[in-house]
């Protein structure tokens, strides 16, 4: 039996938007994040993080440091998994300075999560605070939610039309309908 997912961007959604978070000590999880993820689960959804982490390609932190942050995020919020893109075509670390299909707005990370979890995409959501999050969700044919708790509508990189614009993850968790 498949189950839908709420795909969550990390920064500005589950954690405070701090530009580049370079080590685990800088990771500030919103105090309400765990409660929201619990509500998402109770309503019958997976909660899966989909995040671009170009700081790795830019040489600001290592993939090992990000994995440490991911373990903390998983433990503290209860999300099922964290999928991340370490690439950026203009990166300074050659191994990661590539064009890829996993960097949002590309859909590679969502496709990987679908393979791993057998997700019902027809009922799924992409929740984020940037245009790339909305474009990714639209490309996958799922409902999109733009949150104001990070970059939000005031700092969109391009014009996008999300299905919902909400203040933060608490508001989304309240209006999400169960299956």
N, C-alpha and C. Protein backbone atom coordinates (compact mmCIF):
# COMPACT_ATOMS: atom_id res chain seq x y z
N UNK A 1 0.84 -1.19 0.00
CA UNK A 1 0.00 0.00 0.00
C UNK A 1 0.88 1.25 0.00
N UNK A 2 0.61 2.14 -0.91
CA UNK A 2 1.38 3.38 -0.95
C UNK A 2 0.77 4.41 -0.03
N UNK A 3 1.58 5.37 0.31
CA UNK A 3 1.18 6.42 1.24
C UNK A 3 1.74 7.73 0.68
N UNK A 4 1.02 8.85 0.85
CA UNK A 4 1.55 10.12 0.35
C UNK A 4 2.64 10.67 1.25
N UNK A 5 3.32 11.68 0.74
CA UNK A 5 4.40 12.32 1.49
C UNK A 5 4.22 13.83 1.50
N UNK A 6 4.74 14.42 2.56
CA UNK A 6 4.97 15.86 2.59
C UNK A 6 6.47 16.01 2.47
N UNK A 7 6.90 16.54 1.31
CA UNK A 7 8.31 16.80 1.08
C UNK A 7 8.61 18.19 1.64
N UNK A 8 9.59 18.26 2.51
CA UNK A 8 9.91 19.49 3.23
C UNK A 8 11.30 19.97 2.88
N UNK A 9 11.41 21.23 2.47
CA UNK A 9 12.71 21.85 2.37
C UNK A 9 13.23 21.96 3.81
N UNK A 10 14.53 22.07 4.00
CA UNK A 10 15.09 22.16 5.35
C UNK A 10 15.09 23.60 5.87
N UNK A 11 15.91 24.45 5.24
CA UNK A 11 16.12 25.81 5.75
C UNK A 11 14.91 26.69 5.47
N UNK A 12 14.41 27.32 6.52
CA UNK A 12 13.24 28.17 6.41
C UNK A 12 11.93 27.42 6.60
N UNK A 13 12.01 26.08 6.68
CA UNK A 13 10.82 25.25 6.87
C UNK A 13 10.91 24.52 8.22
N UNK A 14 11.95 23.70 8.38
CA UNK A 14 12.19 22.99 9.64
C UNK A 14 13.23 23.70 10.51
N UNK A 15 14.11 24.45 9.84
CA UNK A 15 15.18 25.15 10.56
C UNK A 15 15.18 26.63 10.19
N UNK A 16 15.80 27.41 11.02
CA UNK A 16 15.92 28.84 10.77
C UNK A 16 16.81 29.06 9.55
N UNK A 17 16.37 29.93 8.65
CA UNK A 17 17.15 30.27 7.46
C UNK A 17 18.35 31.11 7.88
N UNK A 18 19.55 30.57 7.68
CA UNK A 18 20.79 31.24 8.12
C UNK A 18 21.80 31.34 6.99
N UNK A 19 21.36 31.44 5.75
CA UNK A 19 22.26 31.41 4.60
C UNK A 19 22.96 30.05 4.60
N UNK A 20 24.26 29.97 4.86
CA UNK A 20 24.94 28.68 4.89
C UNK A 20 25.15 28.22 6.33
N UNK A 21 24.53 27.11 6.68
CA UNK A 21 24.76 26.48 7.98
C UNK A 21 25.91 25.50 7.76
N UNK A 22 27.05 25.81 8.35
CA UNK A 22 28.27 25.06 8.03
C UNK A 22 28.63 23.96 9.02
N UNK A 23 28.02 23.97 10.19
CA UNK A 23 28.26 22.86 11.13
C UNK A 23 27.04 22.66 12.01
N UNK A 24 27.01 21.51 12.66
CA UNK A 24 25.85 21.11 13.44
C UNK A 24 25.50 22.10 14.54
N UNK A 25 26.49 22.80 15.07
CA UNK A 25 26.23 23.78 16.14
C UNK A 25 25.40 24.96 15.64
N UNK A 26 25.45 25.24 14.34
CA UNK A 26 24.71 26.36 13.75
C UNK A 26 23.27 25.98 13.38
N UNK A 27 22.96 24.70 13.37
CA UNK A 27 21.63 24.23 12.96
C UNK A 27 20.61 24.58 14.04
N UNK A 28 19.68 25.47 13.70
CA UNK A 28 18.65 25.89 14.65
C UNK A 28 17.30 25.39 14.17
N UNK A 29 16.83 24.33 14.79
CA UNK A 29 15.55 23.73 14.43
C UNK A 29 14.44 24.54 15.08
N UNK A 30 13.41 24.87 14.28
CA UNK A 30 12.27 25.60 14.86
C UNK A 30 11.70 24.80 16.02
N UNK A 31 11.33 25.46 17.13
CA UNK A 31 10.82 24.74 18.30
C UNK A 31 9.54 23.96 18.02
N UNK A 32 8.81 24.33 16.99
CA UNK A 32 7.55 23.66 16.65
C UNK A 32 7.72 22.54 15.61
N UNK A 33 8.93 22.34 15.10
CA UNK A 33 9.14 21.40 13.99
C UNK A 33 8.71 19.97 14.35
N UNK A 34 9.09 19.48 15.51
CA UNK A 34 8.75 18.10 15.89
C UNK A 34 7.24 17.90 15.97
N UNK A 35 6.55 18.84 16.58
CA UNK A 35 5.10 18.75 16.70
C UNK A 35 4.44 18.73 15.32
N UNK A 36 4.94 19.55 14.41
CA UNK A 36 4.38 19.59 13.04
C UNK A 36 4.61 18.27 12.32
N UNK A 37 5.80 17.73 12.42
CA UNK A 37 6.09 16.44 11.78
C UNK A 37 5.20 15.35 12.38
N UNK A 38 5.01 15.37 13.69
CA UNK A 38 4.12 14.40 14.33
C UNK A 38 2.70 14.52 13.77
N UNK A 39 2.21 15.74 13.57
CA UNK A 39 0.87 15.95 12.99
C UNK A 39 0.81 15.43 11.57
N UNK A 40 1.85 15.69 10.79
CA UNK A 40 1.92 15.18 9.42
C UNK A 40 1.81 13.66 9.42
N UNK A 41 2.53 13.01 10.32
CA UNK A 41 2.47 11.55 10.43
C UNK A 41 1.08 11.08 10.84
N UNK A 42 0.49 11.73 11.83
CA UNK A 42 -0.84 11.32 12.30
C UNK A 42 -1.89 11.45 11.20
N UNK A 43 -1.66 12.36 10.26
CA UNK A 43 -2.61 12.54 9.16
C UNK A 43 -2.33 11.60 7.99
N UNK A 44 -1.38 10.68 8.18
CA UNK A 44 -1.17 9.61 7.21
C UNK A 44 -0.10 9.86 6.15
N UNK A 45 0.80 10.81 6.39
CA UNK A 45 1.83 11.16 5.42
C UNK A 45 3.22 10.82 5.94
N UNK A 46 4.12 10.51 5.01
CA UNK A 46 5.54 10.53 5.33
C UNK A 46 5.96 12.00 5.41
N UNK A 47 6.99 12.27 6.17
CA UNK A 47 7.62 13.60 6.19
C UNK A 47 9.06 13.40 5.76
N UNK A 48 9.41 13.91 4.58
CA UNK A 48 10.71 13.65 3.96
C UNK A 48 11.35 14.97 3.57
N UNK A 49 12.58 15.16 4.00
CA UNK A 49 13.31 16.40 3.70
C UNK A 49 13.99 16.29 2.34
N UNK A 50 13.83 17.35 1.54
CA UNK A 50 14.45 17.48 0.22
C UNK A 50 15.19 18.82 0.23
N UNK A 51 16.53 18.79 0.23
CA UNK A 51 17.28 20.03 0.44
C UNK A 51 18.48 20.17 -0.47
N UNK A 52 18.66 21.38 -1.02
CA UNK A 52 19.89 21.72 -1.74
C UNK A 52 20.92 22.16 -0.71
N UNK A 53 22.12 21.61 -0.77
CA UNK A 53 23.18 21.99 0.16
C UNK A 53 24.45 22.30 -0.64
N UNK A 54 24.41 23.39 -1.40
CA UNK A 54 25.52 23.75 -2.27
C UNK A 54 26.75 24.21 -1.49
N UNK A 55 26.63 24.41 -0.19
CA UNK A 55 27.80 24.75 0.62
C UNK A 55 28.88 23.69 0.51
N UNK A 56 28.49 22.45 0.23
CA UNK A 56 29.48 21.38 0.04
C UNK A 56 30.28 21.65 -1.24
N UNK A 57 29.58 21.93 -2.33
CA UNK A 57 30.26 22.23 -3.61
C UNK A 57 31.10 23.50 -3.50
N UNK A 58 30.70 24.41 -2.64
CA UNK A 58 31.40 25.68 -2.48
C UNK A 58 32.57 25.58 -1.50
N UNK A 59 32.75 24.37 -0.91
CA UNK A 59 33.86 24.16 0.01
C UNK A 59 33.65 24.76 1.39
N UNK A 60 32.41 25.07 1.75
CA UNK A 60 32.13 25.69 3.05
C UNK A 60 32.02 24.67 4.17
N UNK A 61 31.62 23.45 3.84
CA UNK A 61 31.55 22.36 4.81
C UNK A 61 31.59 21.04 4.05
N UNK A 62 31.86 19.97 4.78
CA UNK A 62 32.02 18.65 4.15
C UNK A 62 30.70 17.90 4.12
N UNK A 63 30.66 16.89 3.28
CA UNK A 63 29.49 16.03 3.23
C UNK A 63 29.31 15.30 4.57
N UNK A 64 30.42 14.97 5.21
CA UNK A 64 30.35 14.31 6.53
C UNK A 64 29.69 15.24 7.56
N UNK A 65 30.00 16.53 7.52
CA UNK A 65 29.38 17.48 8.45
C UNK A 65 27.89 17.58 8.17
N UNK A 66 27.51 17.59 6.90
CA UNK A 66 26.08 17.63 6.55
C UNK A 66 25.38 16.38 7.06
N UNK A 67 26.01 15.22 6.91
CA UNK A 67 25.39 13.98 7.39
C UNK A 67 25.19 14.02 8.90
N UNK A 68 26.12 14.65 9.60
CA UNK A 68 25.96 14.85 11.05
C UNK A 68 24.72 15.72 11.33
N UNK A 69 24.58 16.81 10.56
CA UNK A 69 23.40 17.67 10.71
C UNK A 69 22.12 16.90 10.38
N UNK A 70 22.18 16.06 9.35
CA UNK A 70 21.01 15.27 8.96
C UNK A 70 20.58 14.31 10.06
N UNK A 71 21.55 13.72 10.74
CA UNK A 71 21.22 12.80 11.85
C UNK A 71 20.53 13.56 12.98
N UNK A 72 21.03 14.76 13.28
CA UNK A 72 20.39 15.60 14.31
C UNK A 72 18.98 15.97 13.88
N UNK A 73 18.83 16.41 12.64
CA UNK A 73 17.52 16.81 12.13
C UNK A 73 16.53 15.66 12.20
N UNK A 74 16.96 14.48 11.79
CA UNK A 74 16.09 13.30 11.83
C UNK A 74 15.69 12.96 13.27
N UNK A 75 16.67 12.97 14.16
CA UNK A 75 16.40 12.65 15.57
C UNK A 75 15.47 13.68 16.21
N UNK A 76 15.72 14.95 15.95
CA UNK A 76 14.97 16.02 16.63
C UNK A 76 13.58 16.28 16.04
N UNK A 77 13.38 15.96 14.77
CA UNK A 77 12.09 16.26 14.14
C UNK A 77 11.25 15.02 13.86
N UNK A 78 11.88 13.86 13.73
CA UNK A 78 11.14 12.64 13.43
C UNK A 78 10.87 12.40 11.95
N UNK A 79 11.50 13.17 11.05
CA UNK A 79 11.31 12.92 9.62
C UNK A 79 11.83 11.53 9.26
N UNK A 80 11.26 10.94 8.22
CA UNK A 80 11.68 9.60 7.80
C UNK A 80 13.07 9.60 7.18
N UNK A 81 13.37 10.64 6.40
CA UNK A 81 14.64 10.65 5.66
C UNK A 81 14.98 12.08 5.26
N UNK A 82 16.28 12.27 4.96
CA UNK A 82 16.77 13.54 4.43
C UNK A 82 17.50 13.23 3.13
N UNK A 83 17.00 13.78 2.04
CA UNK A 83 17.65 13.68 0.73
C UNK A 83 18.27 15.03 0.43
N UNK A 84 19.52 15.03 0.00
CA UNK A 84 20.19 16.30 -0.23
C UNK A 84 20.99 16.29 -1.52
N UNK A 85 21.13 17.48 -2.09
CA UNK A 85 21.97 17.68 -3.26
C UNK A 85 23.19 18.47 -2.84
N UNK A 86 24.39 17.90 -2.97
CA UNK A 86 25.61 18.61 -2.59
C UNK A 86 26.23 19.41 -3.75
N UNK A 87 25.58 19.40 -4.90
CA UNK A 87 26.17 19.95 -6.13
C UNK A 87 25.85 21.43 -6.35
N UNK A 88 26.71 22.05 -7.12
CA UNK A 88 26.43 23.37 -7.70
C UNK A 88 27.38 23.55 -8.87
N UNK A 89 26.86 23.92 -10.06
CA UNK A 89 27.73 24.02 -11.23
C UNK A 89 28.87 25.03 -11.07
N UNK A 90 28.72 25.99 -10.18
CA UNK A 90 29.77 26.99 -9.96
C UNK A 90 30.57 26.71 -8.69
N UNK A 91 30.48 25.49 -8.19
CA UNK A 91 31.21 25.13 -6.97
C UNK A 91 32.72 25.17 -7.16
N UNK A 92 33.42 25.17 -6.04
CA UNK A 92 34.89 25.19 -6.07
C UNK A 92 35.49 23.81 -5.78
N UNK A 93 34.69 22.88 -5.31
CA UNK A 93 35.14 21.51 -5.06
C UNK A 93 34.77 20.70 -6.31
N UNK A 94 35.78 20.32 -7.06
CA UNK A 94 35.58 19.73 -8.39
C UNK A 94 34.57 18.58 -8.40
N UNK A 95 34.67 17.70 -7.42
CA UNK A 95 33.80 16.53 -7.35
C UNK A 95 32.32 16.92 -7.35
N UNK A 96 31.99 18.08 -6.77
CA UNK A 96 30.60 18.50 -6.63
C UNK A 96 30.22 19.64 -7.58
N UNK A 97 31.16 20.15 -8.34
CA UNK A 97 30.92 21.30 -9.24
C UNK A 97 30.37 20.80 -10.57
N UNK A 98 29.17 20.27 -10.52
CA UNK A 98 28.55 19.67 -11.71
C UNK A 98 27.08 20.07 -11.80
N UNK A 99 26.56 19.97 -13.02
CA UNK A 99 25.11 20.06 -13.22
C UNK A 99 24.56 18.67 -12.93
N UNK A 100 23.44 18.60 -12.27
CA UNK A 100 22.91 17.30 -11.87
C UNK A 100 21.39 17.30 -12.02
N UNK A 101 20.79 16.17 -11.76
CA UNK A 101 19.32 16.11 -11.79
C UNK A 101 18.72 16.10 -10.38
N UNK A 102 19.57 16.30 -9.37
CA UNK A 102 19.05 16.28 -8.00
C UNK A 102 18.92 17.67 -7.38
N UNK A 103 19.54 18.67 -7.98
CA UNK A 103 19.44 20.03 -7.42
C UNK A 103 18.10 20.63 -7.80
N UNK A 104 17.31 20.99 -6.77
CA UNK A 104 16.03 21.64 -7.05
C UNK A 104 16.29 22.89 -7.88
N UNK A 105 15.53 23.16 -8.91
CA UNK A 105 14.19 22.64 -9.20
C UNK A 105 14.15 21.34 -9.99
N UNK A 106 15.28 20.66 -10.20
CA UNK A 106 15.24 19.33 -10.82
C UNK A 106 14.53 18.38 -9.85
N UNK A 107 14.10 17.25 -10.33
CA UNK A 107 13.24 16.36 -9.53
C UNK A 107 13.91 15.09 -9.04
N UNK A 108 15.22 14.97 -9.24
CA UNK A 108 15.92 13.73 -8.90
C UNK A 108 15.75 13.26 -7.47
N UNK A 109 15.78 14.18 -6.49
CA UNK A 109 15.65 13.77 -5.09
C UNK A 109 14.25 13.24 -4.79
N UNK A 110 13.22 13.87 -5.34
CA UNK A 110 11.86 13.38 -5.13
C UNK A 110 11.68 12.01 -5.80
N UNK A 111 12.24 11.86 -6.98
CA UNK A 111 12.16 10.57 -7.67
C UNK A 111 12.83 9.47 -6.86
N UNK A 112 13.98 9.79 -6.26
CA UNK A 112 14.69 8.81 -5.42
C UNK A 112 13.84 8.45 -4.19
N UNK A 113 13.25 9.45 -3.55
CA UNK A 113 12.39 9.19 -2.39
C UNK A 113 11.19 8.33 -2.78
N UNK A 114 10.64 8.58 -3.95
CA UNK A 114 9.51 7.77 -4.43
C UNK A 114 9.91 6.32 -4.61
N UNK A 115 11.09 6.09 -5.16
CA UNK A 115 11.58 4.71 -5.33
C UNK A 115 11.80 4.05 -3.96
N UNK A 116 12.36 4.80 -3.02
CA UNK A 116 12.67 4.23 -1.71
C UNK A 116 11.42 3.95 -0.87
N UNK A 117 10.42 4.82 -0.98
CA UNK A 117 9.25 4.73 -0.09
C UNK A 117 7.96 4.32 -0.79
N UNK A 118 7.91 4.23 -2.11
CA UNK A 118 6.68 3.87 -2.81
C UNK A 118 5.57 4.88 -2.53
N UNK A 119 5.82 6.14 -2.81
CA UNK A 119 4.94 7.24 -2.41
C UNK A 119 3.78 7.44 -3.38
N UNK A 120 2.61 7.72 -2.82
CA UNK A 120 1.42 8.10 -3.59
C UNK A 120 1.55 9.59 -3.91
N UNK A 121 2.06 9.89 -5.10
CA UNK A 121 2.31 11.28 -5.47
C UNK A 121 1.04 12.09 -5.67
N UNK A 122 -0.06 11.44 -6.02
CA UNK A 122 -1.31 12.16 -6.29
C UNK A 122 -1.80 12.93 -5.07
N UNK A 123 -1.42 12.51 -3.89
CA UNK A 123 -1.87 13.16 -2.65
C UNK A 123 -0.74 13.86 -1.91
N UNK A 124 0.43 13.97 -2.53
CA UNK A 124 1.61 14.51 -1.86
C UNK A 124 1.74 16.02 -2.02
N UNK A 125 2.63 16.61 -1.20
CA UNK A 125 2.89 18.05 -1.18
C UNK A 125 4.38 18.32 -1.19
N UNK A 126 4.78 19.45 -1.77
CA UNK A 126 6.14 19.99 -1.63
C UNK A 126 6.00 21.29 -0.86
N UNK A 127 6.70 21.39 0.28
CA UNK A 127 6.62 22.56 1.15
C UNK A 127 8.00 23.20 1.22
N UNK A 128 8.08 24.48 0.86
CA UNK A 128 9.36 25.16 0.90
C UNK A 128 9.21 26.66 1.02
N UNK A 129 10.34 27.36 0.94
CA UNK A 129 10.33 28.81 1.11
C UNK A 129 10.94 29.55 -0.07
N UNK A 130 11.23 28.81 -1.16
CA UNK A 130 11.88 29.43 -2.33
C UNK A 130 11.21 28.96 -3.62
N UNK A 131 11.48 29.71 -4.68
CA UNK A 131 10.90 29.38 -5.99
C UNK A 131 11.28 27.96 -6.42
N UNK A 132 12.53 27.55 -6.19
CA UNK A 132 12.97 26.21 -6.59
C UNK A 132 12.15 25.10 -5.97
N UNK A 133 11.69 25.30 -4.74
CA UNK A 133 10.85 24.30 -4.08
C UNK A 133 9.51 24.17 -4.81
N UNK A 134 8.94 25.31 -5.15
CA UNK A 134 7.64 25.32 -5.83
C UNK A 134 7.78 24.72 -7.23
N UNK A 135 8.82 25.11 -7.95
CA UNK A 135 9.04 24.57 -9.30
C UNK A 135 9.25 23.06 -9.27
N UNK A 136 9.93 22.56 -8.25
CA UNK A 136 10.14 21.11 -8.12
C UNK A 136 8.81 20.39 -7.94
N UNK A 137 8.01 20.90 -7.01
CA UNK A 137 6.69 20.30 -6.79
C UNK A 137 5.82 20.33 -8.03
N UNK A 138 5.82 21.46 -8.72
CA UNK A 138 5.03 21.59 -9.96
C UNK A 138 5.51 20.58 -11.00
N UNK A 139 6.83 20.42 -11.13
CA UNK A 139 7.39 19.48 -12.11
C UNK A 139 6.99 18.04 -11.80
N UNK A 140 6.75 17.74 -10.53
CA UNK A 140 6.33 16.40 -10.13
C UNK A 140 4.80 16.25 -10.12
N UNK A 141 4.10 17.34 -10.38
CA UNK A 141 2.64 17.28 -10.42
C UNK A 141 1.96 17.17 -9.07
N UNK A 142 2.63 17.71 -8.04
CA UNK A 142 2.04 17.65 -6.69
C UNK A 142 1.69 19.06 -6.21
N UNK A 143 0.90 19.14 -5.16
CA UNK A 143 0.51 20.43 -4.59
C UNK A 143 1.74 21.09 -3.96
N UNK A 144 1.78 22.42 -4.05
CA UNK A 144 2.93 23.17 -3.55
C UNK A 144 2.52 24.18 -2.50
N UNK A 145 3.41 24.36 -1.52
CA UNK A 145 3.15 25.28 -0.41
C UNK A 145 4.39 26.15 -0.22
N UNK A 146 4.20 27.45 -0.28
CA UNK A 146 5.27 28.41 -0.01
C UNK A 146 5.09 28.94 1.40
N UNK A 147 6.13 28.79 2.22
CA UNK A 147 6.08 29.28 3.60
C UNK A 147 6.82 30.61 3.71
N UNK A 148 6.29 31.48 4.55
CA UNK A 148 6.89 32.79 4.80
C UNK A 148 7.96 32.74 5.89
N UNK A 149 8.15 31.58 6.53
CA UNK A 149 9.07 31.45 7.66
C UNK A 149 10.54 31.45 7.26
N UNK A 150 10.82 31.41 5.97
CA UNK A 150 12.19 31.52 5.46
C UNK A 150 12.25 32.69 4.51
N UNK A 151 12.72 32.43 3.29
CA UNK A 151 12.77 33.50 2.28
C UNK A 151 11.37 33.97 1.92
N UNK A 152 10.46 33.05 1.64
CA UNK A 152 9.06 33.38 1.40
C UNK A 152 8.80 34.25 0.19
N UNK A 153 7.59 34.77 0.12
CA UNK A 153 7.14 35.51 -1.07
C UNK A 153 7.87 36.84 -1.26
N UNK A 154 8.42 37.40 -0.22
CA UNK A 154 9.13 38.68 -0.33
C UNK A 154 10.46 38.55 -1.05
N UNK A 155 11.02 37.36 -1.08
CA UNK A 155 12.36 37.19 -1.66
C UNK A 155 12.41 36.07 -2.71
N UNK A 156 11.32 35.91 -3.45
CA UNK A 156 11.30 34.87 -4.49
C UNK A 156 12.27 35.21 -5.61
N UNK A 157 13.01 34.22 -6.06
CA UNK A 157 13.99 34.39 -7.12
C UNK A 157 13.33 34.55 -8.48
N UNK A 158 12.11 34.03 -8.60
CA UNK A 158 11.34 34.18 -9.84
C UNK A 158 9.87 34.04 -9.50
N UNK A 159 9.03 34.45 -10.42
CA UNK A 159 7.60 34.42 -10.20
C UNK A 159 7.08 32.98 -10.28
N UNK A 160 6.50 32.49 -9.23
CA UNK A 160 5.89 31.16 -9.19
C UNK A 160 4.51 31.28 -8.56
N UNK A 161 3.68 30.30 -8.85
CA UNK A 161 2.31 30.29 -8.32
C UNK A 161 2.09 29.04 -7.47
N UNK A 162 2.45 29.10 -6.18
CA UNK A 162 2.20 27.94 -5.32
C UNK A 162 0.69 27.74 -5.12
N UNK A 163 0.32 26.55 -4.74
CA UNK A 163 -1.08 26.27 -4.43
C UNK A 163 -1.51 26.97 -3.14
N UNK A 164 -0.58 27.10 -2.21
CA UNK A 164 -0.85 27.76 -0.93
C UNK A 164 0.33 28.63 -0.55
N UNK A 165 0.05 29.75 0.10
CA UNK A 165 1.09 30.57 0.74
C UNK A 165 0.68 30.66 2.20
N UNK A 166 1.51 30.13 3.09
CA UNK A 166 1.19 30.06 4.51
C UNK A 166 2.32 30.66 5.34
N UNK A 167 2.02 31.00 6.57
CA UNK A 167 3.01 31.65 7.43
C UNK A 167 4.18 30.73 7.77
N UNK A 168 3.87 29.53 8.25
CA UNK A 168 4.93 28.60 8.64
C UNK A 168 4.39 27.18 8.67
N UNK A 169 5.23 26.23 9.06
CA UNK A 169 4.86 24.82 9.04
C UNK A 169 3.70 24.51 9.99
N UNK A 170 3.56 25.29 11.03
CA UNK A 170 2.42 25.08 11.95
C UNK A 170 1.10 25.27 11.22
N UNK A 171 1.00 26.30 10.42
CA UNK A 171 -0.23 26.57 9.69
C UNK A 171 -0.50 25.45 8.69
N UNK A 172 0.54 24.98 8.01
CA UNK A 172 0.36 23.87 7.07
C UNK A 172 -0.11 22.61 7.80
N UNK A 173 0.51 22.27 8.91
CA UNK A 173 0.15 21.05 9.65
C UNK A 173 -1.31 21.10 10.12
N UNK A 174 -1.80 22.29 10.42
CA UNK A 174 -3.19 22.44 10.85
C UNK A 174 -4.17 22.22 9.71
N UNK A 175 -3.85 22.72 8.51
CA UNK A 175 -4.83 22.63 7.41
C UNK A 175 -4.70 21.34 6.62
N UNK A 176 -3.61 20.59 6.81
CA UNK A 176 -3.41 19.33 6.08
C UNK A 176 -4.52 18.35 6.44
N UNK A 177 -5.15 17.79 5.43
CA UNK A 177 -6.20 16.81 5.67
C UNK A 177 -5.61 15.42 5.71
N UNK A 178 -6.16 14.59 6.56
CA UNK A 178 -5.70 13.20 6.65
C UNK A 178 -6.25 12.38 5.50
N UNK A 179 -5.66 11.23 5.30
CA UNK A 179 -6.12 10.34 4.23
C UNK A 179 -6.94 9.20 4.78
